[in-house]
Each structure stands twice: as structure tokens, then as C-alpha cells.
Amino acid sequence: SVQAQVLNLMQDLQDRWGITYLFISHDLAVVDLVCDEVLVLQHGHAVEHGAAAEVLRRPRHPYTQRLLAALPGAACSSTPPGAAREPALPATAPGAESAPPTPAAASSPRGDAR
């Protein structure tokens, strides 16, 4: 796929030149494949940050838990009992007239020299 080709190219460039990427995505499956660290945003505010493996396998924040539960094939597709629920946003939040707020992940590709 084109997506796989782009991700492979990014990895090749990182390996060759030692560059770091800021990778912003709503696709948590891709984030899991290419990121060392992840920052989860909710309505533009950081709600969880850490090693990608830790955040994606043992999420602490209810929003991160709901994002992962919404993935195709997730074991649970609903909010766990007792989990905090977010209030509904107005149809258009300030600064988001074109689209509703979405999560984003900021990361460096795996193998990043620190």
C-alpha cells in the first residue's frame, strides 16, 4: 500500500540520517508500529504521555482507554463501567469548525538515537 511505502521510506531515512519525526496521527495501529513515545491529546490538551508500548497496552486515562476500545477488533467497544464520561461538545467547538476534535500522537520513530 502507499501508506506502507511512505512509512518504510520514513524509517529508511531515519536509519540513514538519524532524523527524528513528529508523527501526528489518529491511526493508533500505525502509531503502535512506528512510535517510541506517544502523546494523547483530547480537545487540544495532553491527557497521557509515555512510551508507546506502555500507553497503548496499559492506558491510564479514560479517553485513551475509549480510543483503544474503539479500534476494530478491540476486546471491548464500550466505555468500561464507572469510567468518567466526557461531556458532549457543541456541534462546532471554537477553532474546530471544519472537523470535530481528534486525538493525535506525537512521537519519534522506533530506533531513534537519544
PDB file of N, CA and C in Angstrom:
ATOM      1  N   SER A   1       0.840  -1.188   0.000  1.00  0.00           N
ATOM      2  CA  SER A   1       0.000   0.000   0.000  1.00  0.00           C
ATOM      3  C   SER A   1       0.880   1.244   0.000  1.00  0.00           C
ATOM      4  N   VAL A   2       0.309   2.342  -0.389  1.00  0.00           N
ATOM      5  CA  VAL A   2       1.034   3.614  -0.390  1.00  0.00           C
ATOM      6  C   VAL A   2       1.442   3.977   1.037  1.00  0.00           C
ATOM      7  N   GLN A   3       0.533   3.733   1.987  1.00  0.00           N
ATOM      8  CA  GLN A   3       0.849   4.042   3.387  1.00  0.00           C
ATOM      9  C   GLN A   3       2.088   3.266   3.842  1.00  0.00           C
ATOM     10  N   ALA A   4       2.149   1.993   3.536  1.00  0.00           N
ATOM     11  CA  ALA A   4       3.299   1.174   3.926  1.00  0.00           C
ATOM     12  C   ALA A   4       4.575   1.670   3.257  1.00  0.00           C
ATOM     13  N   GLN A   5       4.491   2.081   2.001  1.00  0.00           N
ATOM     14  CA  GLN A   5       5.656   2.597   1.293  1.00  0.00           C
ATOM     15  C   GLN A   5       6.166   3.877   1.949  1.00  0.00           C
ATOM     16  N   VAL A   6       5.259   4.765   2.316  1.00  0.00           N
ATOM     17  CA  VAL A   6       5.655   6.020   2.962  1.00  0.00           C
ATOM     18  C   VAL A   6       6.293   5.736   4.321  1.00  0.00           C
ATOM     19  N   LEU A   7       5.676   4.853   5.104  1.00  0.00           N
ATOM     20  CA  LEU A   7       6.232   4.518   6.418  1.00  0.00           C
ATOM     21  C   LEU A   7       7.604   3.863   6.287  1.00  0.00           C
ATOM     22  N   ASN A   8       7.776   2.988   5.294  1.00  0.00           N
ATOM     23  CA  ASN A   8       9.084   2.367   5.055  1.00  0.00           C
ATOM     24  C   ASN A   8      10.119   3.402   4.653  1.00  0.00           C
ATOM     25  N   LEU A   9       9.735   4.350   3.802  1.00  0.00           N
ATOM     26  CA  LEU A   9      10.644   5.419   3.399  1.00  0.00           C
ATOM     27  C   LEU A   9      11.055   6.256   4.609  1.00  0.00           C
ATOM     28  N   MET A  10      10.087   6.603   5.452  1.00  0.00           N
ATOM     29  CA  MET A  10      10.405   7.373   6.660  1.00  0.00           C
ATOM     30  C   MET A  10      11.401   6.614   7.535  1.00  0.00           C
ATOM     31  N   GLN A  11      11.193   5.317   7.694  1.00  0.00           N
ATOM     32  CA  GLN A  11      12.106   4.509   8.515  1.00  0.00           C
ATOM     33  C   GLN A  11      13.489   4.446   7.886  1.00  0.00           C
ATOM     34  N   ASP A  12      13.557   4.270   6.555  1.00  0.00           N
ATOM     35  CA  ASP A  12      14.846   4.236   5.867  1.00  0.00           C
ATOM     36  C   ASP A  12      15.603   5.548   6.056  1.00  0.00           C
ATOM     37  N   LEU A  13      14.908   6.670   5.909  1.00  0.00           N
ATOM     38  CA  LEU A  13      15.549   7.976   6.093  1.00  0.00           C
ATOM     39  C   LEU A  13      16.025   8.153   7.528  1.00  0.00           C
ATOM     40  N   GLN A  14      15.226   7.701   8.478  1.00  0.00           N
ATOM     41  CA  GLN A  14      15.610   7.809   9.886  1.00  0.00           C
ATOM     42  C   GLN A  14      16.855   6.966  10.155  1.00  0.00           C
ATOM     43  N   ASP A  15      16.880   5.752   9.621  1.00  0.00           N
ATOM     44  CA  ASP A  15      18.032   4.875   9.815  1.00  0.00           C
ATOM     45  C   ASP A  15      19.286   5.467   9.174  1.00  0.00           C
ATOM     46  N   ARG A  16      19.140   6.033   7.992  1.00  0.00           N
ATOM     47  CA  ARG A  16      20.288   6.551   7.255  1.00  0.00           C
ATOM     48  C   ARG A  16      20.813   7.851   7.848  1.00  0.00           C
ATOM     49  N   TRP A  17      19.935   8.775   8.190  1.00  0.00           N
ATOM     50  CA  TRP A  17      20.338  10.118   8.596  1.00  0.00           C
ATOM     51  C   TRP A  17      20.157  10.392  10.090  1.00  0.00           C
ATOM     52  N   GLY A  18      19.563   9.473  10.813  1.00  0.00           N
ATOM     53  CA  GLY A  18      19.377   9.670  12.249  1.00  0.00           C
ATOM     54  C   GLY A  18      18.400  10.780  12.593  1.00  0.00           C
ATOM     55  N   ILE A  19      17.455  11.025  11.702  1.00  0.00           N
ATOM     56  CA  ILE A  19      16.496  12.103  11.938  1.00  0.00           C
ATOM     57  C   ILE A  19      15.363  11.628  12.842  1.00  0.00           C
ATOM     58  N   THR A  20      14.692  12.589  13.441  1.00  0.00           N
ATOM     59  CA  THR A  20      13.548  12.318  14.306  1.00  0.00           C
ATOM     60  C   THR A  20      12.317  12.926  13.671  1.00  0.00           C
ATOM     61  N   TYR A  21      11.184  12.265  13.810  1.00  0.00           N
ATOM     62  CA  TYR A  21       9.926  12.745  13.259  1.00  0.00           C
ATOM     63  C   TYR A  21       8.964  13.120  14.369  1.00  0.00           C
ATOM     64  N   LEU A  22       8.151  14.093  14.072  1.00  0.00           N
ATOM     65  CA  LEU A  22       6.956  14.361  14.870  1.00  0.00           C
ATOM     66  C   LEU A  22       5.824  13.787  14.037  1.00  0.00           C
ATOM     67  N   PHE A  23       5.287  12.685  14.474  1.00  0.00           N
ATOM     68  CA  PHE A  23       4.286  11.934  13.713  1.00  0.00           C
ATOM     69  C   PHE A  23       2.938  12.151  14.373  1.00  0.00           C
ATOM     70  N   ILE A  24       2.032  12.791  13.671  1.00  0.00           N
ATOM     71  CA  ILE A  24       0.708  13.094  14.212  1.00  0.00           C
ATOM     72  C   ILE A  24      -0.302  12.236  13.471  1.00  0.00           C
ATOM     73  N   SER A  25      -1.064  11.451  14.229  1.00  0.00           N
ATOM     74  CA  SER A  25      -1.973  10.507  13.596  1.00  0.00           C
ATOM     75  C   SER A  25      -3.146  10.177  14.495  1.00  0.00           C
ATOM     76  N   HIS A  26      -4.247   9.827  13.872  1.00  0.00           N
ATOM     77  CA  HIS A  26      -5.386   9.282  14.607  1.00  0.00           C
ATOM     78  C   HIS A  26      -5.399   7.756  14.501  1.00  0.00           C
ATOM     79  N   ASP A  27      -4.491   7.198  13.722  1.00  0.00           N
ATOM     80  CA  ASP A  27      -4.428   5.754  13.491  1.00  0.00           C
ATOM     81  C   ASP A  27      -3.509   5.117  14.535  1.00  0.00           C
ATOM     82  N   LEU A  28      -4.097   4.638  15.625  1.00  0.00           N
ATOM     83  CA  LEU A  28      -3.306   4.107  16.730  1.00  0.00           C
ATOM     84  C   LEU A  28      -2.579   2.821  16.365  1.00  0.00           C
ATOM     85  N   ALA A  29      -3.061   2.089  15.382  1.00  0.00           N
ATOM     86  CA  ALA A  29      -2.357   0.886  14.937  1.00  0.00           C
ATOM     87  C   ALA A  29      -1.019   1.266  14.298  1.00  0.00           C
ATOM     88  N   VAL A  30      -1.004   2.325  13.496  1.00  0.00           N
ATOM     89  CA  VAL A  30       0.239   2.800  12.890  1.00  0.00           C
ATOM     90  C   VAL A  30       1.143   3.392  13.965  1.00  0.00           C
ATOM     91  N   VAL A  31       0.564   4.148  14.879  1.00  0.00           N
ATOM     92  CA  VAL A  31       1.340   4.717  15.984  1.00  0.00           C
ATOM     93  C   VAL A  31       2.069   3.596  16.724  1.00  0.00           C
ATOM     94  N   ASP A  32       1.381   2.506  16.962  1.00  0.00           N
ATOM     95  CA  ASP A  32       1.976   1.367  17.660  1.00  0.00           C
ATOM     96  C   ASP A  32       3.162   0.803  16.883  1.00  0.00           C
ATOM     97  N   LEU A  33       3.089   0.817  15.563  1.00  0.00           N
ATOM     98  CA  LEU A  33       4.159   0.259  14.733  1.00  0.00           C
ATOM     99  C   LEU A  33       5.390   1.150  14.658  1.00  0.00           C
ATOM    100  N   VAL A  34       5.214   2.469  14.618  1.00  0.00           N
ATOM    101  CA  VAL A  34       6.339   3.341  14.286  1.00  0.00           C
ATOM    102  C   VAL A  34       6.825   4.245  15.408  1.00  0.00           C
ATOM    103  N   CYS A  35       6.143   4.294  16.514  1.00  0.00           N
ATOM    104  CA  CYS A  35       6.483   5.295  17.526  1.00  0.00           C
ATOM    105  C   CYS A  35       7.135   4.707  18.766  1.00  0.00           C
ATOM    106  N   ASP A  36       8.087   5.455  19.294  1.00  0.00           N
ATOM    107  CA  ASP A  36       8.693   5.120  20.583  1.00  0.00           C
ATOM    108  C   ASP A  36       7.894   5.737  21.720  1.00  0.00           C
ATOM    109  N   GLU A  37       7.458   6.971  21.509  1.00  0.00           N
ATOM    110  CA  GLU A  37       6.700   7.699  22.517  1.00  0.00           C
ATOM    111  C   GLU A  37       5.391   8.180  21.919  1.00  0.00           C
ATOM    112  N   VAL A  38       4.397   8.373  22.776  1.00  0.00           N
ATOM    113  CA  VAL A  38       3.095   8.845  22.312  1.00  0.00           C
ATOM    114  C   VAL A  38       2.566   9.889  23.286  1.00  0.00           C
ATOM    115  N   LEU A  39       1.897  10.865  22.723  1.00  0.00           N
ATOM    116  CA  LEU A  39       1.214  11.901  23.492  1.00  0.00           C
ATOM    117  C   LEU A  39      -0.221  11.908  22.998  1.00  0.00           C
ATOM    118  N   VAL A  40      -1.168  11.646  23.879  1.00  0.00           N
ATOM    119  CA  VAL A  40      -2.582  11.616  23.508  1.00  0.00           C
ATOM    120  C   VAL A  40      -3.180  12.974  23.838  1.00  0.00           C
ATOM    121  N   LEU A  41      -3.834  13.569  22.853  1.00  0.00           N
ATOM    122  CA  LEU A  41      -4.488  14.859  23.025  1.00  0.00           C
ATOM    123  C   LEU A  41      -5.993  14.673  23.035  1.00  0.00           C
ATOM    124  N   GLN A  42      -6.649  15.413  23.903  1.00  0.00           N
ATOM    125  CA  GLN A  42      -8.110  15.457  23.940  1.00  0.00           C
ATOM    126  C   GLN A  42      -8.495  16.923  23.936  1.00  0.00           C
ATOM    127  N   HIS A  43      -9.192  17.340  22.899  1.00  0.00           N
ATOM    128  CA  HIS A  43      -9.603  18.733  22.738  1.00  0.00           C
ATOM    129  C   HIS A  43      -8.399  19.676  22.839  1.00  0.00           C
ATOM    130  N   GLY A  44      -7.254  19.238  22.301  1.00  0.00           N
ATOM    131  CA  GLY A  44      -6.058  20.065  22.282  1.00  0.00           C
ATOM    132  C   GLY A  44      -5.239  20.053  23.559  1.00  0.00           C
ATOM    133  N   HIS A  45      -5.617  19.244  24.526  1.00  0.00           N
ATOM    134  CA  HIS A  45      -4.891  19.169  25.794  1.00  0.00           C
ATOM    135  C   HIS A  45      -4.290  17.780  25.960  1.00  0.00           C
ATOM    136  N   ALA A  46      -3.033  17.734  26.400  1.00  0.00           N
ATOM    137  CA  ALA A  46      -2.375  16.457  26.643  1.00  0.00           C
ATOM    138  C   ALA A  46      -3.036  15.753  27.820  1.00  0.00           C
ATOM    139  N   VAL A  47      -3.438  14.504  27.611  1.00  0.00           N
ATOM    140  CA  VAL A  47      -4.059  13.738  28.689  1.00  0.00           C
ATOM    141  C   VAL A  47      -3.224  12.525  29.086  1.00  0.00           C
ATOM    142  N   GLU A  48      -2.312  12.105  28.216  1.00  0.00           N
ATOM    143  CA  GLU A  48      -1.475  10.957  28.554  1.00  0.00           C
ATOM    144  C   GLU A  48      -0.217  10.999  27.701  1.00  0.00           C
ATOM    145  N   HIS A  49       0.910  10.654  28.300  1.00  0.00           N
ATOM    146  CA  HIS A  49       2.191  10.663  27.601  1.00  0.00           C
ATOM    147  C   HIS A  49       3.053   9.541  28.163  1.00  0.00           C
ATOM    148  N   GLY A  50       3.802   8.906  27.288  1.00  0.00           N
ATOM    149  CA  GLY A  50       4.732   7.886  27.745  1.00  0.00           C
ATOM    150  C   GLY A  50       5.229   7.034  26.600  1.00  0.00           C
ATOM    151  N   ALA A  51       5.917   5.977  26.965  1.00  0.00           N
ATOM    152  CA  ALA A  51       6.389   5.020  25.967  1.00  0.00           C
ATOM    153  C   ALA A  51       5.178   4.455  25.232  1.00  0.00           C
ATOM    154  N   ALA A  52       5.283   4.348  23.923  1.00  0.00           N
ATOM    155  CA  ALA A  52       4.141   3.894  23.121  1.00  0.00           C
ATOM    156  C   ALA A  52       3.621   2.547  23.609  1.00  0.00           C
ATOM    157  N   ALA A  53       4.515   1.619  23.875  1.00  0.00           N
ATOM    158  CA  ALA A  53       4.076   0.291  24.317  1.00  0.00           C
ATOM    159  C   ALA A  53       3.292   0.381  25.619  1.00  0.00           C
ATOM    160  N   GLU A  54       3.726   1.219  26.527  1.00  0.00           N
ATOM    161  CA  GLU A  54       3.049   1.352  27.819  1.00  0.00           C
ATOM    162  C   GLU A  54       1.684   2.012  27.660  1.00  0.00           C
ATOM    163  N   VAL A  55       1.636   3.127  26.947  1.00  0.00           N
ATOM    164  CA  VAL A  55       0.373   3.868  26.789  1.00  0.00           C
ATOM    165  C   VAL A  55      -0.651   3.047  26.020  1.00  0.00           C
ATOM    166  N   LEU A  56      -0.226   2.360  24.979  1.00  0.00           N
ATOM    167  CA  LEU A  56      -1.168   1.633  24.137  1.00  0.00           C
ATOM    168  C   LEU A  56      -1.588   0.284  24.725  1.00  0.00           C
ATOM    169  N   ARG A  57      -0.807  -0.258  25.623  1.00  0.00           N
ATOM    170  CA  ARG A  57      -1.173  -1.547  26.217  1.00  0.00           C
ATOM    171  C   ARG A  57      -1.755  -1.424  27.619  1.00  0.00           C
ATOM    172  N   ARG A  58      -1.383  -0.359  28.319  1.00  0.00           N
ATOM    173  CA  ARG A  58      -1.917  -0.132  29.666  1.00  0.00           C
ATOM    174  C   ARG A  58      -2.297   1.335  29.825  1.00  0.00           C
ATOM    175  N   PRO A  59      -3.285   1.785  29.063  1.00  0.00           N
ATOM    176  CA  PRO A  59      -3.670   3.205  29.136  1.00  0.00           C
ATOM    177  C   PRO A  59      -4.230   3.546  30.514  1.00  0.00           C
ATOM    178  N   ARG A  60      -3.872   4.729  30.999  1.00  0.00           N
ATOM    179  CA  ARG A  60      -4.345   5.168  32.307  1.00  0.00           C
ATOM    180  C   ARG A  60      -5.544   6.098  32.205  1.00  0.00           C
ATOM    181  N   HIS A  61      -5.532   6.957  31.206  1.00  0.00           N
ATOM    182  CA  HIS A  61      -6.587   7.965  31.099  1.00  0.00           C
ATOM    183  C   HIS A  61      -7.830   7.360  30.441  1.00  0.00           C
ATOM    184  N   PRO A  62      -9.020   7.696  30.936  1.00  0.00           N
ATOM    185  CA  PRO A  62     -10.260   7.164  30.351  1.00  0.00           C
ATOM    186  C   PRO A  62     -10.402   7.467  28.859  1.00  0.00           C
ATOM    187  N   TYR A  63      -9.932   8.627  28.408  1.00  0.00           N
ATOM    188  CA  TYR A  63     -10.040   8.962  26.985  1.00  0.00           C
ATOM    189  C   TYR A  63      -9.183   8.011  26.147  1.00  0.00           C
ATOM    190  N   THR A  64      -7.962   7.749  26.589  1.00  0.00           N
ATOM    191  CA  THR A  64      -7.098   6.810  25.871  1.00  0.00           C
ATOM    192  C   THR A  64      -7.727   5.424  25.865  1.00  0.00           C
ATOM    193  N   GLN A  65      -8.307   5.026  26.975  1.00  0.00           N
ATOM    194  CA  GLN A  65      -8.982   3.731  27.055  1.00  0.00           C
ATOM    195  C   GLN A  65     -10.121   3.651  26.045  1.00  0.00           C
ATOM    196  N   ARG A  66     -10.888   4.725  25.912  1.00  0.00           N
ATOM    197  CA  ARG A  66     -12.004   4.724  24.956  1.00  0.00           C
ATOM    198  C   ARG A  66     -11.502   4.704  23.514  1.00  0.00           C
ATOM    199  N   LEU A  67     -10.408   5.412  23.230  1.00  0.00           N
ATOM    200  CA  LEU A  67      -9.839   5.385  21.878  1.00  0.00           C
ATOM    201  C   LEU A  67      -9.429   3.964  21.498  1.00  0.00           C
ATOM    202  N   LEU A  68      -8.764   3.296  22.408  1.00  0.00           N
ATOM    203  CA  LEU A  68      -8.319   1.936  22.127  1.00  0.00           C
ATOM    204  C   LEU A  68      -9.488   0.969  22.029  1.00  0.00           C
ATOM    205  N   ALA A  69     -10.509   1.167  22.833  1.00  0.00           N
ATOM    206  CA  ALA A  69     -11.696   0.308  22.773  1.00  0.00           C
ATOM    207  C   ALA A  69     -12.439   0.480  21.454  1.00  0.00           C
ATOM    208  N   ALA A  70     -12.271   1.628  20.809  1.00  0.00           N
ATOM    209  CA  ALA A  70     -12.961   1.909  19.553  1.00  0.00           C
ATOM    210  C   ALA A  70     -12.251   1.305  18.342  1.00  0.00           C
ATOM    211  N   LEU A  71     -11.035   0.791  18.520  1.00  0.00           N
ATOM    212  CA  LEU A  71     -10.318   0.193  17.399  1.00  0.00           C
ATOM    213  C   LEU A  71     -11.024  -1.065  16.920  1.00  0.00           C
ATOM    214  N   PRO A  72     -11.007  -1.321  15.604  1.00  0.00           N
ATOM    215  CA  PRO A  72     -11.581  -2.569  15.102  1.00  0.00           C
ATOM    216  C   PRO A  72     -10.889  -3.757  15.762  1.00  0.00           C
ATOM    217  N   GLY A  73     -11.684  -4.707  16.199  1.00  0.00           N
ATOM    218  CA  GLY A  73     -11.129  -5.892  16.838  1.00  0.00           C
ATOM    219  C   GLY A  73     -10.813  -5.725  18.310  1.00  0.00           C
ATOM    220  N   ALA A  74     -11.130  -4.561  18.878  1.00  0.00           N
ATOM    221  CA  ALA A  74     -10.874  -4.350  20.303  1.00  0.00           C
ATOM    222  C   ALA A  74     -11.755  -5.287  21.117  1.00  0.00           C
ATOM    223  N   ALA A  75     -11.230  -5.721  22.241  1.00  0.00           N
ATOM    224  CA  ALA A  75     -11.974  -6.656  23.091  1.00  0.00           C
ATOM    225  C   ALA A  75     -13.247  -6.030  23.629  1.00  0.00           C
ATOM    226  N   CYS A  76     -13.228  -4.735  23.847  1.00  0.00           N
ATOM    227  CA  CYS A  76     -14.389  -4.047  24.417  1.00  0.00           C
ATOM    228  C   CYS A  76     -14.644  -2.799  23.601  1.00  0.00           C
ATOM    229  N   SER A  77     -15.858  -2.599  23.160  1.00  0.00           N
ATOM    230  CA  SER A  77     -16.148  -1.435  22.328  1.00  0.00           C
ATOM    231  C   SER A  77     -16.967  -0.389  23.055  1.00  0.00           C
ATOM    232  N   SER A  78     -17.112  -0.537  24.369  1.00  0.00           N
ATOM    233  CA  SER A  78     -17.856   0.469  25.114  1.00  0.00           C
ATOM    234  C   SER A  78     -17.021   0.966  26.278  1.00  0.00           C
ATOM    235  N   THR A  79     -17.420   2.082  26.835  1.00  0.00           N
ATOM    236  CA  THR A  79     -16.717   2.645  27.970  1.00  0.00           C
ATOM    237  C   THR A  79     -16.851   1.707  29.159  1.00  0.00           C
ATOM    238  N   PRO A  80     -15.745   1.395  29.835  1.00  0.00           N
ATOM    239  CA  PRO A  80     -15.825   0.497  30.978  1.00  0.00           C
ATOM    240  C   PRO A  80     -16.740   1.055  32.058  1.00  0.00           C
ATOM    241  N   PRO A  81     -17.419   0.184  32.812  1.00  0.00           N
ATOM    242  CA  PRO A  81     -18.302   0.653  33.873  1.00  0.00           C
ATOM    243  C   PRO A  81     -17.537   1.520  34.860  1.00  0.00           C
ATOM    244  N   GLY A  82     -18.135   2.630  35.249  1.00  0.00           N
ATOM    245  CA  GLY A  82     -17.526   3.526  36.215  1.00  0.00           C
ATOM    246  C   GLY A  82     -16.518   4.487  35.626  1.00  0.00           C
ATOM    247  N   ALA A  83     -16.186   4.344  34.331  1.00  0.00           N
ATOM    248  CA  ALA A  83     -15.222   5.256  33.729  1.00  0.00           C
ATOM    249  C   ALA A  83     -15.858   6.619  33.548  1.00  0.00           C
ATOM    250  N   ALA A  84     -15.043   7.642  33.721  1.00  0.00           N
ATOM    251  CA  ALA A  84     -15.547   9.006  33.555  1.00  0.00           C
ATOM    252  C   ALA A  84     -15.963   9.213  32.113  1.00  0.00           C
ATOM    253  N   ARG A  85     -17.067   9.855  31.909  1.00  0.00           N
ATOM    254  CA  ARG A  85     -17.540  10.155  30.556  1.00  0.00           C
ATOM    255  C   ARG A  85     -17.342  11.640  30.303  1.00  0.00           C
ATOM    256  N   GLU A  86     -16.922  11.949  29.096  1.00  0.00           N
ATOM    257  CA  GLU A  86     -16.713  13.338  28.719  1.00  0.00           C
ATOM    258  C   GLU A  86     -18.023  13.991  28.349  1.00  0.00           C
ATOM    259  N   PRO A  87     -18.206  15.245  28.738  1.00  0.00           N
ATOM    260  CA  PRO A  87     -19.416  15.940  28.314  1.00  0.00           C
ATOM    261  C   PRO A  87     -19.404  16.131  26.805  1.00  0.00           C
ATOM    262  N   ALA A  88     -20.576  16.151  26.217  1.00  0.00           N
ATOM    263  CA  ALA A  88     -20.684  16.355  24.771  1.00  0.00           C
ATOM    264  C   ALA A  88     -20.219  17.757  24.418  1.00  0.00           C
ATOM    265  N   LEU A  89     -19.555  17.875  23.295  1.00  0.00           N
ATOM    266  CA  LEU A  89     -19.117  19.177  22.808  1.00  0.00           C
ATOM    267  C   LEU A  89     -20.199  19.783  21.943  1.00  0.00           C
ATOM    268  N   PRO A  90     -20.197  21.109  21.835  1.00  0.00           N
ATOM    269  CA  PRO A  90     -21.119  21.719  20.884  1.00  0.00           C
ATOM    270  C   PRO A  90     -20.783  21.229  19.477  1.00  0.00           C
ATOM    271  N   ALA A  91     -21.713  21.364  18.568  1.00  0.00           N
ATOM    272  CA  ALA A  91     -21.516  20.889  17.193  1.00  0.00           C
ATOM    273  C   ALA A  91     -20.217  21.411  16.606  1.00  0.00           C
ATOM    274  N   THR A  92     -19.881  22.654  16.869  1.00  0.00           N
ATOM    275  CA  THR A  92     -18.612  23.199  16.411  1.00  0.00           C
ATOM    276  C   THR A  92     -17.926  23.879  17.580  1.00  0.00           C
ATOM    277  N   ALA A  93     -16.831  23.294  18.009  1.00  0.00           N
ATOM    278  CA  ALA A  93     -16.037  23.890  19.074  1.00  0.00           C
ATOM    279  C   ALA A  93     -15.224  25.036  18.489  1.00  0.00           C
ATOM    280  N   PRO A  94     -14.888  26.045  19.287  1.00  0.00           N
ATOM    281  CA  PRO A  94     -14.080  27.149  18.776  1.00  0.00           C
ATOM    282  C   PRO A  94     -12.796  26.624  18.145  1.00  0.00           C
ATOM    283  N   GLY A  95     -12.496  27.091  16.949  1.00  0.00           N
ATOM    284  CA  GLY A  95     -11.298  26.675  16.245  1.00  0.00           C
ATOM    285  C   GLY A  95     -11.407  25.323  15.566  1.00  0.00           C
ATOM    286  N   ALA A  96     -12.567  24.688  15.620  1.00  0.00           N
ATOM    287  CA  ALA A  96     -12.713  23.362  15.012  1.00  0.00           C
ATOM    288  C   ALA A  96     -13.935  23.320  14.113  1.00  0.00           C
ATOM    289  N   GLU A  97     -14.163  24.394  13.399  1.00  0.00           N
ATOM    290  CA  GLU A  97     -15.357  24.469  12.564  1.00  0.00           C
ATOM    291  C   GLU A  97     -15.359  23.435  11.454  1.00  0.00           C
ATOM    292  N   SER A  98     -14.170  23.040  10.981  1.00  0.00           N
ATOM    293  CA  SER A  98     -14.140  22.119   9.852  1.00  0.00           C
ATOM    294  C   SER A  98     -14.208  20.654  10.262  1.00  0.00           C
ATOM    295  N   ALA A  99     -13.876  20.339  11.510  1.00  0.00           N
ATOM    296  CA  ALA A  99     -13.891  18.939  11.935  1.00  0.00           C
ATOM    297  C   ALA A  99     -13.946  18.872  13.450  1.00  0.00           C
ATOM    298  N   PRO A 100     -14.505  17.783  13.983  1.00  0.00           N
ATOM    299  CA  PRO A 100     -14.514  17.621  15.439  1.00  0.00           C
ATOM    300  C   PRO A 100     -13.103  17.349  15.949  1.00  0.00           C
ATOM    301  N   PRO A 101     -12.837  17.599  17.216  1.00  0.00           N
ATOM    302  CA  PRO A 101     -11.508  17.323  17.760  1.00  0.00           C
ATOM    303  C   PRO A 101     -11.169  15.843  17.609  1.00  0.00           C
ATOM    304  N   THR A 102      -9.913  15.570  17.295  1.00  0.00           N
ATOM    305  CA  THR A 102      -9.456  14.193  17.145  1.00  0.00           C
ATOM    306  C   THR A 102      -8.195  13.996  17.963  1.00  0.00           C
ATOM    307  N   PRO A 103      -7.885  12.765  18.333  1.00  0.00           N
ATOM    308  CA  PRO A 103      -6.654  12.505  19.071  1.00  0.00           C
ATOM    309  C   PRO A 103      -5.461  12.629  18.144  1.00  0.00           C
ATOM    310  N   ALA A 104      -4.334  12.881  18.698  1.00  0.00           N
ATOM    311  CA  ALA A 104      -3.112  12.942  17.906  1.00  0.00           C
ATOM    312  C   ALA A 104      -2.000  12.294  18.704  1.00  0.00           C
ATOM    313  N   ALA A 105      -1.049  11.749  18.011  1.00  0.00           N
ATOM    314  CA  ALA A 105       0.104  11.174  18.680  1.00  0.00           C
ATOM    315  C   ALA A 105       1.340  11.885  18.180  1.00  0.00           C
ATOM    316  N   ALA A 106       2.188  12.263  19.078  1.00  0.00           N
ATOM    317  CA  ALA A 106       3.463  12.870  18.725  1.00  0.00           C
ATOM    318  C   ALA A 106       4.528  11.862  19.109  1.00  0.00           C
ATOM    319  N   SER A 107       5.471  11.636  18.204  1.00  0.00           N
ATOM    320  CA  SER A 107       6.415  10.577  18.508  1.00  0.00           C
ATOM    321  C   SER A 107       7.687  10.719  17.715  1.00  0.00           C
ATOM    322  N   SER A 108       8.634   9.905  18.064  1.00  0.00           N
ATOM    323  CA  SER A 108       9.811   9.700  17.243  1.00  0.00           C
ATOM    324  C   SER A 108       9.761   8.252  16.779  1.00  0.00           C
ATOM    325  N   PRO A 109      10.208   7.973  15.541  1.00  0.00           N
ATOM    326  CA  PRO A 109      10.148   6.599  15.049  1.00  0.00           C
ATOM    327  C   PRO A 109      10.989   5.670  15.916  1.00  0.00           C
ATOM    328  N   ARG A 110      10.647   4.407  15.912  1.00  0.00           N
ATOM    329  CA  ARG A 110      11.409   3.423  16.694  1.00  0.00           C
ATOM    330  C   ARG A 110      12.875   3.467  16.269  1.00  0.00           C
ATOM    331  N   GLY A 111      13.724   3.250  17.224  1.00  0.00           N
ATOM    332  CA  GLY A 111      15.144   3.228  16.921  1.00  0.00           C
ATOM    333  C   GLY A 111      15.780   4.598  16.978  1.00  0.00           C
ATOM    334  N   ASP A 112      15.078   5.602  17.393  1.00  0.00           N
ATOM    335  CA  ASP A 112      15.604   6.958  17.468  1.00  0.00           C
ATOM    336  C   ASP A 112      16.774   7.002  18.443  1.00  0.00           C
ATOM    337  N   ALA A 113      17.893   7.530  18.001  1.00  0.00           N
ATOM    338  CA  ALA A 113      19.033   7.704  18.894  1.00  0.00           C
ATOM    339  C   ALA A 113      18.751   8.878  19.805  1.00  0.00           C
ATOM    340  N   ARG A 114      18.893   8.680  21.060  1.00  0.00           N
ATOM    341  CA  ARG A 114      18.607   9.737  22.035  1.00  0.00           C
ATOM    342  C   ARG A 114      19.883  10.239  22.644  1.00  0.00           C
TER     343      ARG A 114
END
